[in-house]
Amino acid sequence: MHTHRLAAALPALAVLGSVTALGIGTSFAKHLFPHVGSLGTTALRVGFSALLLLALWRPWRWSLSVTDRASILRYGVALGFMNLLFYMSLRTIPFGVAVAIEFAGPLTLAMLSSRRPVDFLWLALAVVGLGLLLPLNQSAAALDPEGVAYALAAAVCWGAYIVFGKRVGHLHAGQSVALGLTVAAIAVVPFGVWQAGSALLSPSILLYGLGVAAISSAIPISLEMVALKRLPEEAFGILTSMEPAVAALLGLFVLDEHLTGLQWMAIVCTMLAAAGSSVTARRQPSKGAPADVVM
């Protein structure tokens, strides 16, 4: 009996473990900002993630058509700049808030996929959540406009990443993810080298960056691939909607980032909108698009 219960709970635990590992990796990555900046941190995270997944999946074992290569290129560029812009937002706004704002990307796509009346409820919740976070007033608690702008730009890239990811969904997930991250690394590593220069070659920085990449990429991707094989899409979406709350809690305990009551309310609204849209969005046949496996 206990074995069956554990087996039934394993996919949900895998998703929660993935979300937590991603949050821990990002929280640790922010400690690199004083040493190599946000761009240098992105270079380390994405660059080492690509190397780890290339070694894990060896994607050259499968052939690619010319069309698939073009799709991988677009997918990887979107992934790279999604990471770069998100890390730039973390310089001036809290981790949990940045994640909540970035959720506007996939939420917008989810709203566009359905027209049922209940979806207007999720849209209203998303708008309320985003409205509570935008720096529309001059109070001391107002968020930095530049940080919010970077998070919104990351949201646009996340939406593009999902769209382009679905176009390579017929490929083996390991192949598309490894090649996508390789393209992402080629796109963003030069920015990190430009900002941090030789500081990126410090042995301690390299080791720390490798750890961040393993925790925030290799582990979450592996866990999500386990979950996606056993969970319905709506259940997976509900569980991943916990990400803003997990990020806010890790920001509090790891980064000492304290949010206001309104910011917590905004995060709750974003989570409810994400969970609700996951349940009610129209389903299309899926072949394990990598957009579901990487964040």
Protein backbone atom coordinates (compact mmCIF):
# COMPACT_ATOMS: atom_id res chain seq x y z
CA MET A 1 0.00 0.00 0.00
CA HIS A 2 2.75 2.45 0.97
CA THR A 3 4.64 1.58 -2.23
CA HIS A 4 1.58 2.39 -4.36
CA ARG A 5 1.05 5.68 -2.54
CA LEU A 6 4.69 6.64 -3.05
CA ALA A 7 4.46 5.76 -6.74
CA ALA A 8 1.32 7.87 -7.11
CA ALA A 9 2.92 10.81 -5.33
CA LEU A 10 6.25 10.58 -7.15
CA PRO A 11 5.30 12.73 -10.20
CA ALA A 12 3.97 15.54 -7.98
CA LEU A 13 7.05 15.35 -5.78
CA ALA A 14 9.23 15.47 -8.89
CA VAL A 15 7.57 18.72 -10.05
CA LEU A 16 7.86 20.31 -6.62
CA GLY A 17 11.47 19.16 -6.42
CA SER A 18 12.13 20.68 -9.83
CA VAL A 19 10.59 24.03 -8.88
CA THR A 20 12.50 24.06 -5.60
CA ALA A 21 15.83 23.14 -7.21
CA LEU A 22 15.36 25.85 -9.84
CA GLY A 23 14.63 28.40 -7.12
CA ILE A 24 17.59 27.33 -5.00
CA GLY A 25 19.91 27.51 -8.00
CA THR A 26 18.71 30.99 -8.90
CA SER A 27 18.99 32.17 -5.29
CA PHE A 28 22.56 30.92 -5.11
CA ALA A 29 23.30 32.48 -8.51
CA LYS A 30 22.39 35.92 -7.20
CA HIS A 31 25.35 35.66 -4.81
CA LEU A 32 27.59 35.80 -7.89
CA PHE A 33 26.31 39.25 -8.89
CA PRO A 34 28.89 41.20 -6.81
CA HIS A 35 31.71 39.22 -8.43
CA VAL A 36 30.76 38.83 -12.12
CA GLY A 37 27.53 40.82 -12.49
CA SER A 38 24.19 39.63 -13.76
CA LEU A 39 25.50 39.07 -17.29
CA GLY A 40 28.49 37.09 -16.07
CA THR A 41 26.21 35.01 -13.87
CA THR A 42 23.96 34.30 -16.85
CA ALA A 43 26.98 33.23 -18.88
CA LEU A 44 28.09 30.78 -16.19
CA ARG A 45 24.62 29.39 -15.59
CA VAL A 46 23.64 28.92 -19.24
CA GLY A 47 27.11 27.94 -20.42
CA PHE A 48 27.64 25.20 -17.83
CA SER A 49 24.02 24.04 -18.23
CA ALA A 50 24.64 23.53 -21.94
CA LEU A 51 27.85 21.58 -21.29
CA LEU A 52 26.14 19.37 -18.70
CA LEU A 53 23.20 18.54 -20.97
CA LEU A 54 25.43 17.97 -23.99
CA ALA A 55 27.37 15.42 -21.94
CA LEU A 56 24.15 13.87 -20.61
CA TRP A 57 22.16 13.57 -23.85
CA ARG A 58 24.82 13.60 -26.62
CA PRO A 59 22.32 15.14 -29.06
CA TRP A 60 24.55 14.56 -32.10
CA ARG A 61 23.27 10.97 -32.06
CA TRP A 62 20.09 12.15 -33.81
CA SER A 63 19.92 13.83 -37.20
CA LEU A 64 18.21 17.18 -37.77
CA SER A 65 16.46 18.53 -40.84
CA VAL A 66 17.16 22.06 -42.07
CA THR A 67 13.74 23.14 -40.75
CA ASP A 68 14.45 21.65 -37.33
CA ARG A 69 17.81 23.42 -37.17
CA ALA A 70 16.12 26.76 -37.80
CA SER A 71 13.53 25.97 -35.13
CA ILE A 72 16.23 25.01 -32.63
CA LEU A 73 18.02 28.28 -33.38
CA ARG A 74 14.92 30.38 -32.60
CA TYR A 75 14.10 28.28 -29.55
CA GLY A 76 17.62 28.60 -28.15
CA VAL A 77 17.89 32.36 -28.71
CA ALA A 78 14.56 32.88 -26.91
CA LEU A 79 15.76 30.67 -24.05
CA GLY A 80 19.07 32.50 -23.76
CA PHE A 81 17.60 35.99 -23.65
CA MET A 82 14.83 34.86 -21.30
CA ASN A 83 17.54 33.90 -18.81
CA LEU A 84 19.66 36.98 -19.45
CA LEU A 85 16.79 39.46 -19.03
CA PHE A 86 15.46 37.65 -15.97
CA TYR A 87 18.84 37.77 -14.24
CA MET A 88 19.13 41.46 -15.10
CA SER A 89 15.77 42.06 -13.41
CA LEU A 90 17.05 40.37 -10.25
CA ARG A 91 19.59 43.16 -9.74
CA THR A 92 16.88 45.53 -8.48
CA ILE A 93 13.67 43.60 -7.74
CA PRO A 94 13.03 40.59 -5.44
CA PHE A 95 13.26 37.06 -6.82
CA GLY A 96 9.63 36.10 -6.12
CA VAL A 97 8.31 39.31 -7.66
CA ALA A 98 10.42 38.83 -10.79
CA VAL A 99 9.06 35.30 -11.24
CA ALA A 100 5.48 36.52 -10.80
CA ILE A 101 5.97 39.22 -13.45
CA GLU A 102 7.68 36.77 -15.80
CA PHE A 103 4.64 34.49 -15.57
CA ALA A 104 2.80 37.09 -17.69
CA GLY A 105 4.40 35.45 -20.76
CA PRO A 106 3.00 31.92 -20.46
CA LEU A 107 -0.24 33.24 -18.94
CA THR A 108 -0.85 35.41 -22.00
CA LEU A 109 -0.38 32.41 -24.27
CA ALA A 110 -2.72 30.33 -22.11
CA MET A 111 -5.43 33.00 -22.27
CA LEU A 112 -5.13 33.16 -26.06
CA SER A 113 -5.72 29.41 -26.31
CA SER A 114 -9.20 29.47 -24.77
CA ARG A 115 -12.35 31.57 -25.03
CA ARG A 116 -14.57 30.18 -22.27
CA PRO A 117 -16.17 32.64 -19.82
CA VAL A 118 -14.24 31.23 -16.86
CA ASP A 119 -10.99 32.25 -18.53
CA PHE A 120 -11.90 35.89 -17.99
CA LEU A 121 -11.60 35.17 -14.27
CA TRP A 122 -8.01 33.98 -14.71
CA LEU A 123 -7.31 36.98 -16.93
CA ALA A 124 -8.70 39.32 -14.26
CA LEU A 125 -6.55 37.67 -11.58
CA ALA A 126 -3.45 37.97 -13.77
CA VAL A 127 -4.17 41.65 -14.47
CA VAL A 128 -4.75 42.34 -10.76
CA GLY A 129 -1.53 40.54 -9.83
CA LEU A 130 0.50 42.39 -12.43
CA GLY A 131 -1.15 45.70 -11.52
CA LEU A 132 -0.15 45.26 -7.89
CA LEU A 133 3.48 44.78 -8.93
CA LEU A 134 3.91 47.51 -11.51
CA PRO A 135 5.58 50.70 -10.18
CA LEU A 136 2.50 52.88 -10.69
CA ASN A 137 3.04 54.96 -7.55
CA GLN A 138 5.94 56.73 -5.92
CA SER A 139 5.72 55.06 -2.51
CA ALA A 140 8.79 53.69 -0.77
CA ALA A 141 7.59 50.16 -1.55
CA ALA A 142 7.33 50.79 -5.31
CA LEU A 143 9.43 48.47 -7.43
CA ASP A 144 12.34 49.70 -9.51
CA PRO A 145 10.94 50.48 -13.02
CA GLU A 146 14.06 49.21 -14.78
CA GLY A 147 13.89 45.87 -12.98
CA VAL A 148 10.21 45.52 -13.82
CA ALA A 149 10.94 46.32 -17.48
CA TYR A 150 13.58 43.59 -17.64
CA ALA A 151 11.16 41.10 -16.03
CA LEU A 152 8.44 42.01 -18.56
CA ALA A 153 10.95 41.59 -21.40
CA ALA A 154 11.84 38.17 -19.96
CA ALA A 155 8.11 37.36 -19.96
CA VAL A 156 7.95 38.14 -23.69
CA CYS A 157 10.94 35.86 -24.27
CA TRP A 158 9.30 33.11 -22.18
CA GLY A 159 6.23 33.33 -24.41
CA ALA A 160 8.41 33.15 -27.53
CA TYR A 161 10.34 30.25 -26.01
CA ILE A 162 7.10 28.28 -25.54
CA VAL A 163 5.93 28.99 -29.09
CA PHE A 164 9.26 28.02 -30.63
CA GLY A 165 9.62 25.07 -28.25
CA LYS A 166 6.40 23.54 -29.53
CA ARG A 167 7.84 23.59 -33.04
CA VAL A 168 10.56 21.16 -31.95
CA GLY A 169 8.22 19.09 -29.78
CA HIS A 170 8.47 16.15 -32.20
CA LEU A 171 12.19 15.80 -31.43
CA HIS A 172 13.60 13.85 -28.52
CA ALA A 173 13.31 16.15 -25.49
CA GLY A 174 16.93 15.59 -24.47
CA GLN A 175 18.14 16.49 -27.94
CA SER A 176 16.09 19.66 -28.27
CA VAL A 177 16.87 20.86 -24.74
CA ALA A 178 20.62 20.22 -25.05
CA LEU A 179 20.86 21.87 -28.46
CA GLY A 180 18.58 24.72 -27.38
CA LEU A 181 20.77 25.46 -24.37
CA THR A 182 23.86 25.30 -26.57
CA VAL A 183 22.39 27.97 -28.86
CA ALA A 184 21.36 29.94 -25.75
CA ALA A 185 24.94 29.80 -24.47
CA ILE A 186 26.35 30.99 -27.81
CA ALA A 187 23.86 33.89 -27.69
CA VAL A 188 24.45 35.11 -24.13
CA VAL A 189 27.95 34.06 -23.04
CA PRO A 190 29.58 36.92 -25.01
CA PHE A 191 27.59 39.41 -22.91
CA GLY A 192 28.96 37.82 -19.74
CA VAL A 193 32.52 37.87 -21.06
CA TRP A 194 32.07 41.54 -22.00
CA GLN A 195 30.89 42.43 -18.49
CA ALA A 196 33.01 40.17 -16.27
CA GLY A 197 36.08 39.48 -18.39
CA SER A 198 38.80 37.39 -16.74
CA ALA A 199 36.84 37.23 -13.46
CA LEU A 200 34.86 34.39 -15.06
CA LEU A 201 38.03 32.28 -15.10
CA SER A 202 38.55 32.33 -11.34
CA PRO A 203 38.53 28.68 -10.16
CA SER A 204 36.19 29.43 -7.26
CA ILE A 205 33.78 31.32 -9.54
CA LEU A 206 33.84 28.52 -12.11
CA LEU A 207 33.14 25.89 -9.47
CA TYR A 208 30.29 27.92 -7.99
CA GLY A 209 28.85 28.50 -11.47
CA LEU A 210 28.99 24.78 -12.22
CA GLY A 211 27.06 24.07 -9.02
CA VAL A 212 24.45 26.69 -9.91
CA ALA A 213 24.04 25.18 -13.39
CA ALA A 214 23.61 21.67 -12.01
CA ILE A 215 21.03 22.74 -9.43
CA SER A 216 19.07 25.12 -11.65
CA SER A 217 19.14 23.18 -14.94
CA ALA A 218 20.25 19.56 -14.90
CA ILE A 219 18.28 18.56 -11.79
CA PRO A 220 15.01 20.40 -12.62
CA ILE A 221 14.98 19.19 -16.22
CA SER A 222 15.54 15.57 -15.18
CA LEU A 223 12.77 15.76 -12.56
CA GLU A 224 10.31 17.44 -14.92
CA MET A 225 10.88 14.82 -17.60
CA VAL A 226 9.97 12.15 -15.03
CA ALA A 227 6.82 14.07 -14.07
CA LEU A 228 5.67 14.84 -17.62
CA LYS A 229 5.50 11.14 -18.45
CA ARG A 230 3.09 10.47 -15.58
CA LEU A 231 1.05 13.66 -15.02
CA PRO A 232 -1.79 15.18 -17.06
CA GLU A 233 -0.94 18.61 -18.47
CA GLU A 234 -3.38 20.40 -16.19
CA ALA A 235 -1.93 18.75 -13.07
CA PHE A 236 1.57 19.66 -14.20
CA GLY A 237 0.46 23.26 -14.77
CA ILE A 238 -1.15 23.51 -11.35
CA LEU A 239 1.99 22.27 -9.63
CA THR A 240 4.32 24.56 -11.56
CA SER A 241 2.09 27.51 -10.66
CA MET A 242 3.64 27.22 -7.20
CA GLU A 243 6.89 28.63 -8.58
CA PRO A 244 6.32 32.31 -7.64
CA ALA A 245 5.57 31.34 -4.03
CA VAL A 246 8.59 29.04 -3.85
CA ALA A 247 10.76 31.80 -5.32
CA ALA A 248 9.40 34.34 -2.80
CA LEU A 249 10.05 32.02 0.14
CA LEU A 250 13.58 31.23 -1.06
CA GLY A 251 14.15 34.93 -1.61
CA LEU A 252 13.12 35.50 2.00
CA PHE A 253 15.22 32.75 3.59
CA VAL A 254 18.24 32.67 1.26
CA LEU A 255 18.46 36.27 0.06
CA ASP A 256 16.73 38.08 2.95
CA GLU A 257 14.24 39.69 0.53
CA HIS A 258 11.16 40.81 2.45
CA LEU A 259 8.00 41.43 0.44
CA THR A 260 5.10 43.71 1.30
CA GLY A 261 1.57 42.45 1.86
CA LEU A 262 0.50 43.73 -1.57
CA GLN A 263 3.38 41.93 -3.24
CA TRP A 264 2.40 38.66 -1.55
CA MET A 265 -1.20 39.27 -2.68
CA ALA A 266 0.04 39.80 -6.24
CA ILE A 267 1.95 36.52 -6.11
CA VAL A 268 -1.16 34.68 -4.91
CA CYS A 269 -3.22 36.22 -7.76
CA THR A 270 -0.58 35.14 -10.28
CA MET A 271 -0.52 31.60 -8.91
CA LEU A 272 -4.32 31.31 -9.01
CA ALA A 273 -4.39 32.62 -12.58
CA ALA A 274 -1.68 30.15 -13.66
CA ALA A 275 -3.35 27.20 -11.94
CA GLY A 276 -6.80 28.09 -13.25
CA SER A 277 -5.66 28.60 -16.83
CA SER A 278 -3.84 25.24 -16.69
CA VAL A 279 -7.13 23.53 -15.86
CA THR A 280 -9.36 25.30 -18.38
CA ALA A 281 -7.05 25.91 -21.36
CA ARG A 282 -7.86 23.94 -24.49
CA ARG A 283 -5.61 20.94 -24.90
CA GLN A 284 -3.85 20.16 -28.12
CA PRO A 285 -2.03 16.94 -28.99
CA SER A 286 1.42 17.13 -27.42
CA LYS A 287 4.61 15.19 -28.06
CA GLY A 288 6.52 16.36 -25.04
CA ALA A 289 7.51 19.77 -26.23
CA PRO A 290 10.66 20.97 -24.56
CA ALA A 291 8.78 24.12 -23.60
CA ASP A 292 7.32 21.98 -20.86
CA VAL A 293 10.64 20.71 -19.69
CA VAL A 294 12.83 23.77 -19.30
CA MET A 295 12.33 27.07 -17.70
